[in-house]
Amino acid sequence: QRFVGTHSDLVNCFDTREVAEPFTDPELRKIVSPMILYCIT
């Protein structure tokens, strides 16, 4: 991102950290991240 942010004007990010999830342990978010990404894209 540091590189493309200075060389392209068409950079878009999808970040699963922006999504609320039901887990009390943050380690569990890693597991479901691909499904969250698919859900939003």
Full PDB file with SEQRES, HELIX, SHEET, SSBOND, CRYST1, ORIGX, SCALE, CONECT and MASTER records, all heavy atoms in Angstrom:
SEQRES   1 A   41  GLN ARG PHE VAL GLY THR HIS SER ASP LEU VAL ASN CYS          
SEQRES   2 A   41  PHE ASP THR ARG GLU VAL ALA GLU PRO PHE THR ASP PRO          
SEQRES   3 A   41  GLU LEU ARG LYS ILE VAL SER PRO MET ILE LEU TYR CYS          
SEQRES   4 A   41  ILE THR                                                      
HELIX    1 AA1 VAL A    4  HIS A    7  1                                   4    
HELIX    2 AA2 THR A   16  GLU A   18  5                                   3    
HELIX    3 AA3 GLU A   27  ILE A   40  1                                  14    
CRYST1    1.000    1.000    1.000  90.00  90.00  90.00 P 1           1          
ORIGX1      1.000000  0.000000  0.000000        0.00000                         
ORIGX2      0.000000  1.000000  0.000000        0.00000                         
ORIGX3      0.000000  0.000000  1.000000        0.00000                         
SCALE1      1.000000  0.000000  0.000000        0.00000                         
SCALE2      0.000000  1.000000  0.000000        0.00000                         
SCALE3      0.000000  0.000000  1.000000        0.00000                         
ATOM      1  N   GLN A   1       0.823  -1.213   0.000  1.00  0.00           N  
ATOM      2  CA  GLN A   1       0.000   0.000   0.000  1.00  0.00           C  
ATOM      3  C   GLN A   1       0.857   1.262   0.000  1.00  0.00           C  
ATOM      4  O   GLN A   1       0.506   2.249  -0.664  1.00  0.00           O  
ATOM      5  CB  GLN A   1      -0.950   0.011   1.193  1.00  0.00           C  
ATOM      6  CG  GLN A   1      -1.911   1.196   1.155  1.00  0.00           C  
ATOM      7  CD  GLN A   1      -3.017   1.099   2.181  1.00  0.00           C  
ATOM      8  OE1 GLN A   1      -2.912   0.363   3.155  1.00  0.00           O  
ATOM      9  NE2 GLN A   1      -4.088   1.851   1.973  1.00  0.00           N  
ATOM     10  N   ARG A   2       1.966   1.246   0.712  1.00  0.00           N  
ATOM     11  CA  ARG A   2       2.837   2.419   0.723  1.00  0.00           C  
ATOM     12  C   ARG A   2       3.330   2.743  -0.681  1.00  0.00           C  
ATOM     13  O   ARG A   2       3.440   3.914  -1.068  1.00  0.00           O  
ATOM     14  CB  ARG A   2       4.022   2.185   1.670  1.00  0.00           C  
ATOM     15  CG  ARG A   2       3.674   2.304   3.141  1.00  0.00           C  
ATOM     16  CD  ARG A   2       4.921   2.388   4.002  1.00  0.00           C  
ATOM     17  NE  ARG A   2       5.747   1.197   3.918  1.00  0.00           N  
ATOM     18  CZ  ARG A   2       5.624   0.137   4.717  1.00  0.00           C  
ATOM     19  NH1 ARG A   2       4.661   0.116   5.651  1.00  0.00           N  
ATOM     20  NH2 ARG A   2       6.418  -0.903   4.581  1.00  0.00           N  
ATOM     21  N   PHE A   3       3.608   1.703  -1.450  1.00  0.00           N  
ATOM     22  CA  PHE A   3       4.100   1.943  -2.811  1.00  0.00           C  
ATOM     23  C   PHE A   3       2.971   2.378  -3.749  1.00  0.00           C  
ATOM     24  O   PHE A   3       3.076   3.418  -4.413  1.00  0.00           O  
ATOM     25  CB  PHE A   3       4.780   0.687  -3.369  1.00  0.00           C  
ATOM     26  CG  PHE A   3       5.234   0.861  -4.789  1.00  0.00           C  
ATOM     27  CD1 PHE A   3       6.443   1.464  -5.077  1.00  0.00           C  
ATOM     28  CD2 PHE A   3       4.431   0.444  -5.852  1.00  0.00           C  
ATOM     29  CE1 PHE A   3       6.860   1.651  -6.389  1.00  0.00           C  
ATOM     30  CE2 PHE A   3       4.834   0.627  -7.167  1.00  0.00           C  
ATOM     31  CZ  PHE A   3       6.049   1.234  -7.432  1.00  0.00           C  
ATOM     32  N   VAL A   4       1.919   1.595  -3.816  1.00  0.00           N  
ATOM     33  CA  VAL A   4       0.869   1.908  -4.804  1.00  0.00           C  
ATOM     34  C   VAL A   4       0.152   3.203  -4.465  1.00  0.00           C  
ATOM     35  O   VAL A   4      -0.374   3.884  -5.353  1.00  0.00           O  
ATOM     36  CB  VAL A   4      -0.135   0.747  -4.948  1.00  0.00           C  
ATOM     37  CG1 VAL A   4       0.576  -0.519  -5.414  1.00  0.00           C  
ATOM     38  CG2 VAL A   4      -0.922   0.492  -3.660  1.00  0.00           C  
ATOM     39  N   GLY A   5       0.131   3.562  -3.175  1.00  0.00           N  
ATOM     40  CA  GLY A   5      -0.528   4.794  -2.782  1.00  0.00           C  
ATOM     41  C   GLY A   5       0.111   6.036  -3.366  1.00  0.00           C  
ATOM     42  O   GLY A   5      -0.532   7.089  -3.463  1.00  0.00           O  
ATOM     43  N   THR A   6       1.381   5.939  -3.753  1.00  0.00           N  
ATOM     44  CA  THR A   6       2.074   7.087  -4.349  1.00  0.00           C  
ATOM     45  C   THR A   6       2.244   6.954  -5.861  1.00  0.00           C  
ATOM     46  O   THR A   6       2.756   7.864  -6.507  1.00  0.00           O  
ATOM     47  CB  THR A   6       3.469   7.264  -3.715  1.00  0.00           C  
ATOM     48  OG1 THR A   6       4.241   6.072  -3.934  1.00  0.00           O  
ATOM     49  CG2 THR A   6       3.352   7.524  -2.226  1.00  0.00           C  
ATOM     50  N   HIS A   7       1.797   5.812  -6.438  1.00  0.00           N  
ATOM     51  CA  HIS A   7       1.996   5.595  -7.869  1.00  0.00           C  
ATOM     52  C   HIS A   7       0.713   5.313  -8.636  1.00  0.00           C  
ATOM     53  O   HIS A   7       0.736   5.210  -9.861  1.00  0.00           O  
ATOM     54  CB  HIS A   7       2.983   4.442  -8.099  1.00  0.00           C  
ATOM     55  CG  HIS A   7       4.380   4.773  -7.680  1.00  0.00           C  
ATOM     56  ND1 HIS A   7       4.814   4.670  -6.370  1.00  0.00           N  
ATOM     57  CD2 HIS A   7       5.445   5.239  -8.393  1.00  0.00           C  
ATOM     58  CE1 HIS A   7       6.089   5.042  -6.303  1.00  0.00           C  
ATOM     59  NE2 HIS A   7       6.489   5.393  -7.501  1.00  0.00           N  
ATOM     60  N   SER A   8      -0.407   5.194  -7.943  1.00  0.00           N  
ATOM     61  CA  SER A   8      -1.692   4.972  -8.614  1.00  0.00           C  
ATOM     62  C   SER A   8      -2.768   5.813  -7.945  1.00  0.00           C  
ATOM     63  O   SER A   8      -2.758   5.998  -6.717  1.00  0.00           O  
ATOM     64  CB  SER A   8      -2.096   3.496  -8.560  1.00  0.00           C  
ATOM     65  OG  SER A   8      -3.433   3.335  -9.005  1.00  0.00           O  
ATOM     66  N   ASP A   9      -3.694   6.298  -8.756  1.00  0.00           N  
ATOM     67  CA  ASP A   9      -4.830   7.070  -8.233  1.00  0.00           C  
ATOM     68  C   ASP A   9      -6.084   6.214  -8.082  1.00  0.00           C  
ATOM     69  O   ASP A   9      -7.143   6.726  -7.734  1.00  0.00           O  
ATOM     70  CB  ASP A   9      -5.146   8.241  -9.178  1.00  0.00           C  
ATOM     71  CG  ASP A   9      -4.006   9.244  -9.252  1.00  0.00           C  
ATOM     72  OD1 ASP A   9      -3.312   9.408  -8.227  1.00  0.00           O  
ATOM     73  OD2 ASP A   9      -3.817   9.848 -10.325  1.00  0.00           O  
ATOM     74  N   LEU A  10      -5.961   4.896  -8.328  1.00  0.00           N  
ATOM     75  CA  LEU A  10      -7.132   4.011  -8.268  1.00  0.00           C  
ATOM     76  C   LEU A  10      -6.884   2.857  -7.305  1.00  0.00           C  
ATOM     77  O   LEU A  10      -6.958   1.687  -7.686  1.00  0.00           O  
ATOM     78  CB  LEU A  10      -7.448   3.459  -9.659  1.00  0.00           C  
ATOM     79  CG  LEU A  10      -8.272   4.348 -10.597  1.00  0.00           C  
ATOM     80  CD1 LEU A  10      -8.453   3.662 -11.948  1.00  0.00           C  
ATOM     81  CD2 LEU A  10      -9.636   4.651  -9.994  1.00  0.00           C  
ATOM     82  N   VAL A  11      -6.581   3.184  -6.057  1.00  0.00           N  
ATOM     83  CA  VAL A  11      -6.328   2.166  -5.038  1.00  0.00           C  
ATOM     84  C   VAL A  11      -7.531   2.085  -4.110  1.00  0.00           C  
ATOM     85  O   VAL A  11      -7.971   3.098  -3.553  1.00  0.00           O  
ATOM     86  CB  VAL A  11      -5.061   2.490  -4.218  1.00  0.00           C  
ATOM     87  CG1 VAL A  11      -4.828   1.429  -3.150  1.00  0.00           C  
ATOM     88  CG2 VAL A  11      -3.858   2.599  -5.142  1.00  0.00           C  
ATOM     89  N   ASN A  12      -8.068   0.879  -3.947  1.00  0.00           N  
ATOM     90  CA  ASN A  12      -9.200   0.645  -3.039  1.00  0.00           C  
ATOM     91  C   ASN A  12      -8.861  -0.491  -2.086  1.00  0.00           C  
ATOM     92  O   ASN A  12      -8.253  -1.493  -2.488  1.00  0.00           O  
ATOM     93  CB  ASN A  12     -10.461   0.292  -3.830  1.00  0.00           C  
ATOM     94  CG  ASN A  12     -11.042   1.496  -4.562  1.00  0.00           C  
ATOM     95  OD1 ASN A  12     -11.709   2.321  -3.976  1.00  0.00           O  
ATOM     96  ND2 ASN A  12     -10.763   1.580  -5.868  1.00  0.00           N  
ATOM     97  N   CYS A  13      -9.262  -0.343  -0.833  1.00  0.00           N  
ATOM     98  CA  CYS A  13      -8.947  -1.331   0.194  1.00  0.00           C  
ATOM     99  C   CYS A  13     -10.222  -1.956   0.769  1.00  0.00           C  
ATOM    100  O   CYS A  13     -11.209  -1.258   1.025  1.00  0.00           O  
ATOM    101  CB  CYS A  13      -8.161  -0.695   1.340  1.00  0.00           C  
ATOM    102  SG  CYS A  13      -6.554  -0.032   0.879  1.00  0.00           S  
ATOM    103  N   PHE A  14     -10.150  -3.256   0.985  1.00  0.00           N  
ATOM    104  CA  PHE A  14     -11.139  -3.961   1.783  1.00  0.00           C  
ATOM    105  C   PHE A  14     -10.404  -4.515   2.998  1.00  0.00           C  
ATOM    106  O   PHE A  14      -9.464  -5.302   2.847  1.00  0.00           O  
ATOM    107  CB  PHE A  14     -11.780  -5.105   0.994  1.00  0.00           C  
ATOM    108  CG  PHE A  14     -12.745  -4.665  -0.067  1.00  0.00           C  
ATOM    109  CD1 PHE A  14     -12.307  -4.459  -1.370  1.00  0.00           C  
ATOM    110  CD2 PHE A  14     -14.076  -4.455   0.240  1.00  0.00           C  
ATOM    111  CE1 PHE A  14     -13.191  -4.059  -2.354  1.00  0.00           C  
ATOM    112  CE2 PHE A  14     -14.971  -4.053  -0.734  1.00  0.00           C  
ATOM    113  CZ  PHE A  14     -14.536  -3.848  -2.034  1.00  0.00           C  
ATOM    114  N   ASP A  15     -10.816  -4.117   4.180  1.00  0.00           N  
ATOM    115  CA  ASP A  15     -10.120  -4.502   5.400  1.00  0.00           C  
ATOM    116  C   ASP A  15     -11.114  -5.139   6.364  1.00  0.00           C  
ATOM    117  O   ASP A  15     -12.060  -4.487   6.821  1.00  0.00           O  
ATOM    118  CB  ASP A  15      -9.474  -3.273   6.041  1.00  0.00           C  
ATOM    119  CG  ASP A  15      -8.523  -3.621   7.176  1.00  0.00           C  
ATOM    120  OD1 ASP A  15      -8.601  -4.758   7.709  1.00  0.00           O  
ATOM    121  OD2 ASP A  15      -7.712  -2.760   7.555  1.00  0.00           O  
ATOM    122  N   THR A  16     -10.889  -6.415   6.704  1.00  0.00           N  
ATOM    123  CA  THR A  16     -11.829  -7.105   7.593  1.00  0.00           C  
ATOM    124  C   THR A  16     -11.801  -6.540   9.011  1.00  0.00           C  
ATOM    125  O   THR A  16     -12.721  -6.791   9.784  1.00  0.00           O  
ATOM    126  CB  THR A  16     -11.534  -8.618   7.627  1.00  0.00           C  
ATOM    127  OG1 THR A  16     -10.226  -8.849   8.175  1.00  0.00           O  
ATOM    128  CG2 THR A  16     -11.605  -9.208   6.230  1.00  0.00           C  
ATOM    129  N   ARG A  17     -10.778  -5.778   9.371  1.00  0.00           N  
ATOM    130  CA  ARG A  17     -10.746  -5.163  10.704  1.00  0.00           C  
ATOM    131  C   ARG A  17     -11.880  -4.163  10.912  1.00  0.00           C  
ATOM    132  O   ARG A  17     -12.233  -3.845  12.051  1.00  0.00           O  
ATOM    133  CB  ARG A  17      -9.405  -4.438  10.920  1.00  0.00           C  
ATOM    134  CG  ARG A  17      -8.302  -5.319  11.446  1.00  0.00           C  
ATOM    135  CD  ARG A  17      -7.095  -4.467  11.808  1.00  0.00           C  
ATOM    136  NE  ARG A  17      -6.007  -5.283  12.330  1.00  0.00           N  
ATOM    137  CZ  ARG A  17      -4.805  -4.833  12.619  1.00  0.00           C  
ATOM    138  NH1 ARG A  17      -4.514  -3.548  12.414  1.00  0.00           N  
ATOM    139  NH2 ARG A  17      -3.863  -5.635  13.097  1.00  0.00           N  
ATOM    140  N   GLU A  18     -12.453  -3.680   9.824  1.00  0.00           N  
ATOM    141  CA  GLU A  18     -13.540  -2.708   9.924  1.00  0.00           C  
ATOM    142  C   GLU A  18     -14.865  -3.353  10.304  1.00  0.00           C  
ATOM    143  O   GLU A  18     -15.834  -2.652  10.602  1.00  0.00           O  
ATOM    144  CB  GLU A  18     -13.703  -1.977   8.586  1.00  0.00           C  
ATOM    145  CG  GLU A  18     -12.503  -1.148   8.162  1.00  0.00           C  
ATOM    146  CD  GLU A  18     -12.761  -0.448   6.843  1.00  0.00           C  
ATOM    147  OE1 GLU A  18     -13.891   0.032   6.635  1.00  0.00           O  
ATOM    148  OE2 GLU A  18     -11.832  -0.379   6.019  1.00  0.00           O  
ATOM    149  N   VAL A  19     -14.924  -4.671  10.283  1.00  0.00           N  
ATOM    150  CA  VAL A  19     -16.183  -5.390  10.462  1.00  0.00           C  
ATOM    151  C   VAL A  19     -16.316  -5.902  11.897  1.00  0.00           C  
ATOM    152  O   VAL A  19     -15.402  -6.544  12.425  1.00  0.00           O  
ATOM    153  CB  VAL A  19     -16.272  -6.570   9.472  1.00  0.00           C  
ATOM    154  CG1 VAL A  19     -17.519  -7.414   9.726  1.00  0.00           C  
ATOM    155  CG2 VAL A  19     -16.252  -6.053   8.035  1.00  0.00           C  
ATOM    156  N   ALA A  20     -17.457  -5.642  12.523  1.00  0.00           N  
ATOM    157  CA  ALA A  20     -17.742  -6.190  13.854  1.00  0.00           C  
ATOM    158  C   ALA A  20     -18.045  -7.681  13.738  1.00  0.00           C  
ATOM    159  O   ALA A  20     -18.687  -8.119  12.779  1.00  0.00           O  
ATOM    160  CB  ALA A  20     -18.927  -5.459  14.481  1.00  0.00           C  
ATOM    161  N   GLU A  21     -17.586  -8.447  14.725  1.00  0.00           N  
ATOM    162  CA  GLU A  21     -17.796  -9.895  14.733  1.00  0.00           C  
ATOM    163  C   GLU A  21     -18.181 -10.337  16.139  1.00  0.00           C  
ATOM    164  O   GLU A  21     -17.965  -9.603  17.114  1.00  0.00           O  
ATOM    165  CB  GLU A  21     -16.532 -10.617  14.260  1.00  0.00           C  
ATOM    166  CG  GLU A  21     -16.152 -10.297  12.822  1.00  0.00           C  
ATOM    167  CD  GLU A  21     -14.818 -10.908  12.414  1.00  0.00           C  
ATOM    168  OE1 GLU A  21     -14.307 -11.776  13.150  1.00  0.00           O  
ATOM    169  OE2 GLU A  21     -14.284 -10.507  11.360  1.00  0.00           O  
ATOM    170  N   PRO A  22     -18.728 -11.553  16.292  1.00  0.00           N  
ATOM    171  CA  PRO A  22     -19.241 -11.977  17.596  1.00  0.00           C  
ATOM    172  C   PRO A  22     -18.194 -12.543  18.544  1.00  0.00           C  
ATOM    173  O   PRO A  22     -18.543 -13.013  19.631  1.00  0.00           O  
ATOM    174  CB  PRO A  22     -20.259 -13.064  17.226  1.00  0.00           C  
ATOM    175  CG  PRO A  22     -19.701 -13.665  15.975  1.00  0.00           C  
ATOM    176  CD  PRO A  22     -19.083 -12.501  15.233  1.00  0.00           C  
ATOM    177  N   PHE A  23     -16.912 -12.471  18.186  1.00  0.00           N  
ATOM    178  CA  PHE A  23     -15.898 -13.177  18.960  1.00  0.00           C  
ATOM    179  C   PHE A  23     -15.326 -12.330  20.094  1.00  0.00           C  
ATOM    180  O   PHE A  23     -14.983 -11.164  19.901  1.00  0.00           O  
ATOM    181  CB  PHE A  23     -14.773 -13.649  18.032  1.00  0.00           C  
ATOM    182  CG  PHE A  23     -15.276 -14.453  16.876  1.00  0.00           C  
ATOM    183  CD1 PHE A  23     -15.252 -13.936  15.593  1.00  0.00           C  
ATOM    184  CD2 PHE A  23     -15.806 -15.720  17.079  1.00  0.00           C  
ATOM    185  CE1 PHE A  23     -15.731 -14.658  14.521  1.00  0.00           C  
ATOM    186  CE2 PHE A  23     -16.294 -16.456  16.025  1.00  0.00           C  
ATOM    187  CZ  PHE A  23     -16.265 -15.924  14.739  1.00  0.00           C  
ATOM    188  N   THR A  24     -15.208 -12.934  21.262  1.00  0.00           N  
ATOM    189  CA  THR A  24     -14.601 -12.259  22.406  1.00  0.00           C  
ATOM    190  C   THR A  24     -13.084 -12.377  22.383  1.00  0.00           C  
ATOM    191  O   THR A  24     -12.397 -11.607  23.055  1.00  0.00           O  
ATOM    192  CB  THR A  24     -15.134 -12.852  23.722  1.00  0.00           C  
ATOM    193  OG1 THR A  24     -14.932 -14.282  23.717  1.00  0.00           O  
ATOM    194  CG2 THR A  24     -16.630 -12.563  23.880  1.00  0.00           C  
ATOM    195  N   ASP A  25     -12.565 -13.329  21.646  1.00  0.00           N  
ATOM    196  CA  ASP A  25     -11.122 -13.529  21.520  1.00  0.00           C  
ATOM    197  C   ASP A  25     -10.681 -13.051  20.139  1.00  0.00           C  
ATOM    198  O   ASP A  25     -11.092 -13.611  19.116  1.00  0.00           O  
ATOM    199  CB  ASP A  25     -10.785 -15.010  21.685  1.00  0.00           C  
ATOM    200  CG  ASP A  25      -9.293 -15.267  21.775  1.00  0.00           C  
ATOM    201  OD1 ASP A  25      -8.525 -14.497  21.155  1.00  0.00           O  
ATOM    202  OD2 ASP A  25      -8.889 -16.229  22.453  1.00  0.00           O  
ATOM    203  N   PRO A  26      -9.843 -12.023  20.067  1.00  0.00           N  
ATOM    204  CA  PRO A  26      -9.444 -11.482  18.760  1.00  0.00           C  
ATOM    205  C   PRO A  26      -8.707 -12.484  17.873  1.00  0.00           C  
ATOM    206  O   PRO A  26      -8.687 -12.339  16.659  1.00  0.00           O  
ATOM    207  CB  PRO A  26      -8.554 -10.287  19.113  1.00  0.00           C  
ATOM    208  CG  PRO A  26      -8.124 -10.512  20.522  1.00  0.00           C  
ATOM    209  CD  PRO A  26      -9.248 -11.256  21.178  1.00  0.00           C  
ATOM    210  N   GLU A  27      -8.105 -13.509  18.483  1.00  0.00           N  
ATOM    211  CA  GLU A  27      -7.399 -14.510  17.679  1.00  0.00           C  
ATOM    212  C   GLU A  27      -8.346 -15.241  16.732  1.00  0.00           C  
ATOM    213  O   GLU A  27      -7.934 -15.732  15.674  1.00  0.00           O  
ATOM    214  CB  GLU A  27      -6.714 -15.533  18.586  1.00  0.00           C  
ATOM    215  CG  GLU A  27      -5.540 -14.989  19.382  1.00  0.00           C  
ATOM    216  CD  GLU A  27      -4.900 -16.065  20.245  1.00  0.00           C  
ATOM    217  OE1 GLU A  27      -5.116 -17.269  19.956  1.00  0.00           O  
ATOM    218  OE2 GLU A  27      -4.200 -15.709  21.208  1.00  0.00           O  
ATOM    219  N   LEU A  28      -9.617 -15.316  17.087  1.00  0.00           N  
ATOM    220  CA  LEU A  28     -10.578 -16.057  16.280  1.00  0.00           C  
ATOM    221  C   LEU A  28     -10.965 -15.301  15.016  1.00  0.00           C  
ATOM    222  O   LEU A  28     -11.476 -15.902  14.070  1.00  0.00           O  
ATOM    223  CB  LEU A  28     -11.815 -16.389  17.114  1.00  0.00           C  
ATOM    224  CG  LEU A  28     -11.544 -17.191  18.396  1.00  0.00           C  
ATOM    225  CD1 LEU A  28     -12.834 -17.452  19.156  1.00  0.00           C  
ATOM    226  CD2 LEU A  28     -10.833 -18.506  18.074  1.00  0.00           C  
ATOM    227  N   ARG A  29     -10.699 -14.007  14.992  1.00  0.00           N  
ATOM    228  CA  ARG A  29     -11.039 -13.212  13.811  1.00  0.00           C  
ATOM    229  C   ARG A  29     -10.185 -13.615  12.606  1.00  0.00           C  
ATOM    230  O   ARG A  29     -10.635 -13.532  11.466  1.00  0.00           O  
ATOM    231  CB  ARG A  29     -10.871 -11.727  14.105  1.00  0.00           C  
ATOM    232  CG  ARG A  29     -11.875 -11.182  15.122  1.00  0.00           C  
ATOM    233  CD  ARG A  29     -11.614  -9.697  15.388  1.00  0.00           C  
ATOM    234  NE  ARG A  29     -11.711  -8.922  14.167  1.00  0.00           N  
ATOM    235  CZ  ARG A  29     -12.786  -8.212  13.793  1.00  0.00           C  
ATOM    236  NH1 ARG A  29     -13.860  -8.194  14.555  1.00  0.00           N  
ATOM    237  NH2 ARG A  29     -12.778  -7.529  12.665  1.00  0.00           N  
ATOM    238  N   LYS A  30      -8.955 -14.023  12.867  1.00  0.00           N  
ATOM    239  CA  LYS A  30      -8.080 -14.474  11.782  1.00  0.00           C  
ATOM    240  C   LYS A  30      -8.737 -15.600  11.003  1.00  0.00           C  
ATOM    241  O   LYS A  30      -8.698 -15.613   9.757  1.00  0.00           O  
ATOM    242  CB  LYS A  30      -6.745 -14.949  12.361  1.00  0.00           C  
ATOM    243  CG  LYS A  30      -5.891 -15.774  11.399  1.00  0.00           C  
ATOM    244  CD  LYS A  30      -4.640 -16.316  12.092  1.00  0.00           C  
ATOM    245  CE  LYS A  30      -3.898 -17.321  11.225  1.00  0.00           C  
ATOM    246  NZ  LYS A  30      -2.646 -17.811  11.843  1.00  0.00           N  
ATOM    247  N   ILE A  31      -9.368 -16.524  11.706  1.00  0.00           N  
ATOM    248  CA  ILE A  31      -9.927 -17.710  11.070  1.00  0.00           C  
ATOM    249  C   ILE A  31     -11.009 -17.332  10.071  1.00  0.00           C  
ATOM    250  O   ILE A  31     -11.050 -17.840   8.950  1.00  0.00           O  
ATOM    251  CB  ILE A  31     -10.493 -18.672  12.132  1.00  0.00           C  
ATOM    252  CG1 ILE A  31      -9.377 -19.122  13.085  1.00  0.00           C  
ATOM    253  CG2 ILE A  31     -11.166 -19.879  11.466  1.00  0.00           C  
ATOM    254  CD1 ILE A  31      -9.882 -19.849  14.315  1.00  0.00           C  
ATOM    255  N   VAL A  32     -11.906 -16.429  10.459  1.00  0.00           N  
ATOM    256  CA  VAL A  32     -13.069 -16.134   9.618  1.00  0.00           C  
ATOM    257  C   VAL A  32     -12.811 -15.040   8.592  1.00  0.00           C  
ATOM    258  O   VAL A  32     -13.692 -14.733   7.781  1.00  0.00           O  
ATOM    259  CB  VAL A  32     -14.298 -15.755  10.474  1.00  0.00           C  
ATOM    260  CG1 VAL A  32     -14.646 -16.866  11.449  1.00  0.00           C  
ATOM    261  CG2 VAL A  32     -14.081 -14.443  11.207  1.00  0.00           C  
ATOM    262  N   SER A  33     -11.617 -14.451   8.582  1.00  0.00           N  
ATOM    263  CA  SER A  33     -11.359 -13.304   7.709  1.00  0.00           C  
ATOM    264  C   SER A  33     -11.646 -13.572   6.228  1.00  0.00           C  
ATOM    265  O   SER A  33     -12.171 -12.684   5.539  1.00  0.00           O  
ATOM    266  CB  SER A  33      -9.930 -12.791   7.904  1.00  0.00           C  
ATOM    267  OG  SER A  33      -8.972 -13.797   7.628  1.00  0.00           O  
ATOM    268  N   PRO A  34     -11.351 -14.755   5.681  1.00  0.00           N  
ATOM    269  CA  PRO A  34     -11.676 -14.934   4.257  1.00  0.00           C  
ATOM    270  C   PRO A  34     -13.176 -14.902   3.983  1.00  0.00           C  
ATOM    271  O   PRO A  34     -13.608 -14.385   2.943  1.00  0.00           O  
ATOM    272  CB  PRO A  34     -11.071 -16.303   3.919  1.00  0.00           C  
ATOM    273  CG  PRO A  34     -10.886 -16.990   5.220  1.00  0.00           C  
ATOM    274  CD  PRO A  34     -10.617 -15.914   6.214  1.00  0.00           C  
ATOM    275  N   MET A  35     -13.977 -15.432   4.891  1.00  0.00           N  
ATOM    276  CA  MET A  35     -15.425 -15.377   4.691  1.00  0.00           C  
ATOM    277  C   MET A  35     -15.940 -13.950   4.807  1.00  0.00           C  
ATOM    278  O   MET A  35     -16.824 -13.530   4.051  1.00  0.00           O  
ATOM    279  CB  MET A  35     -16.154 -16.262   5.693  1.00  0.00           C  
ATOM    280  CG  MET A  35     -17.655 -16.328   5.441  1.00  0.00           C  
ATOM    281  SD  MET A  35     -18.534 -17.372   6.605  1.00  0.00           S  
ATOM    282  CE  MET A  35     -18.423 -16.395   8.094  1.00  0.00           C  
ATOM    283  N   ILE A  36     -15.388 -13.180   5.737  1.00  0.00           N  
ATOM    284  CA  ILE A  36     -15.789 -11.778   5.884  1.00  0.00           C  
ATOM    285  C   ILE A  36     -15.453 -11.009   4.615  1.00  0.00           C  
ATOM    286  O   ILE A  36     -16.255 -10.210   4.108  1.00  0.00           O  
ATOM    287  CB  ILE A  36     -15.081 -11.140   7.097  1.00  0.00           C  
ATOM    288  CG1 ILE A  36     -15.474 -11.861   8.397  1.00  0.00           C  
ATOM    289  CG2 ILE A  36     -15.403  -9.651   7.180  1.00  0.00           C  
ATOM    290  CD1 ILE A  36     -16.946 -11.781   8.740  1.00  0.00           C  
ATOM    291  N   LEU A  37     -14.273 -11.254   4.071  1.00  0.00           N  
ATOM    292  CA  LEU A  37     -13.862 -10.567   2.850  1.00  0.00           C  
ATOM    293  C   LEU A  37     -14.801 -10.913   1.701  1.00  0.00           C  
ATOM    294  O   LEU A  37     -15.243 -10.034   0.956  1.00  0.00           O  
ATOM    295  CB  LEU A  37     -12.413 -10.951   2.521  1.00  0.00           C  
ATOM    296  CG  LEU A  37     -11.643 -10.140   1.484  1.00  0.00           C  
ATOM    297  CD1 LEU A  37     -12.068 -10.462   0.059  1.00  0.00           C  
ATOM    298  CD2 LEU A  37     -11.771  -8.634   1.743  1.00  0.00           C  
ATOM    299  N   TYR A  38     -15.126 -12.195   1.562  1.00  0.00           N  
ATOM    300  CA  TYR A  38     -16.052 -12.598   0.505  1.00  0.00           C  
ATOM    301  C   TYR A  38     -17.416 -11.949   0.708  1.00  0.00           C  
ATOM    302  O   TYR A  38     -18.039 -11.485  -0.250  1.00  0.00           O  
ATOM    303  CB  TYR A  38     -16.217 -14.120   0.486  1.00  0.00           C  
ATOM    304  CG  TYR A  38     -17.215 -14.587  -0.548  1.00  0.00           C  
ATOM    305  CD1 TYR A  38     -16.818 -14.861  -1.850  1.00  0.00           C  
ATOM    306  CD2 TYR A  38     -18.570 -14.721  -0.226  1.00  0.00           C  
ATOM    307  CE1 TYR A  38     -17.737 -15.264  -2.808  1.00  0.00           C  
ATOM    308  CE2 TYR A  38     -19.497 -15.112  -1.178  1.00  0.00           C  
ATOM    309  CZ  TYR A  38     -19.074 -15.390  -2.456  1.00  0.00           C  
ATOM    310  OH  TYR A  38     -19.992 -15.780  -3.396  1.00  0.00           O  
ATOM    311  N   CYS A  39     -17.867 -11.904   1.943  1.00  0.00           N  
ATOM    312  CA  CYS A  39     -19.177 -11.334   2.269  1.00  0.00           C  
ATOM    313  C   CYS A  39     -19.280  -9.888   1.800  1.00  0.00           C  
ATOM    314  O   CYS A  39     -20.303  -9.485   1.219  1.00  0.00           O  
ATOM    315  CB  CYS A  39     -19.394 -11.441   3.784  1.00  0.00           C  
ATOM    316  SG  CYS A  39     -20.776 -10.491   4.436  1.00  0.00           S  
ATOM    317  N   ILE A  40     -18.244  -9.099   2.014  1.00  0.00           N  
ATOM    318  CA  ILE A  40     -18.342  -7.677   1.670  1.00  0.00           C  
ATOM    319  C   ILE A  40     -18.048  -7.425   0.187  1.00  0.00           C  
ATOM    320  O   ILE A  40     -18.653  -6.540  -0.425  1.00  0.00           O  
ATOM    321  CB  ILE A  40     -17.454  -6.802   2.579  1.00  0.00           C  
ATOM    322  CG1 ILE A  40     -15.992  -7.230   2.549  1.00  0.00           C  
ATOM    323  CG2 ILE A  40     -17.991  -6.825   4.005  1.00  0.00           C  
ATOM    324  CD1 ILE A  40     -15.080  -6.429   3.472  1.00  0.00           C  
ATOM    325  N   THR A  41     -17.160  -8.207  -0.422  1.00  0.00           N  
ATOM    326  CA  THR A  41     -16.892  -7.995  -1.843  1.00  0.00           C  
ATOM    327  C   THR A  41     -18.054  -8.470  -2.708  1.00  0.00           C  
ATOM    328  O   THR A  41     -18.172  -8.053  -3.873  1.00  0.00           O  
ATOM    329  CB  THR A  41     -15.596  -8.682  -2.293  1.00  0.00           C  
ATOM    330  OG1 THR A  41     -15.632 -10.067  -1.934  1.00  0.00           O  
ATOM    331  CG2 THR A  41     -14.386  -8.016  -1.657  1.00  0.00           C  
TER     332      THR A  41                                                      
MASTER        0    0    0    3    0    0    0    6  331    1    0    4          
END                                                                             
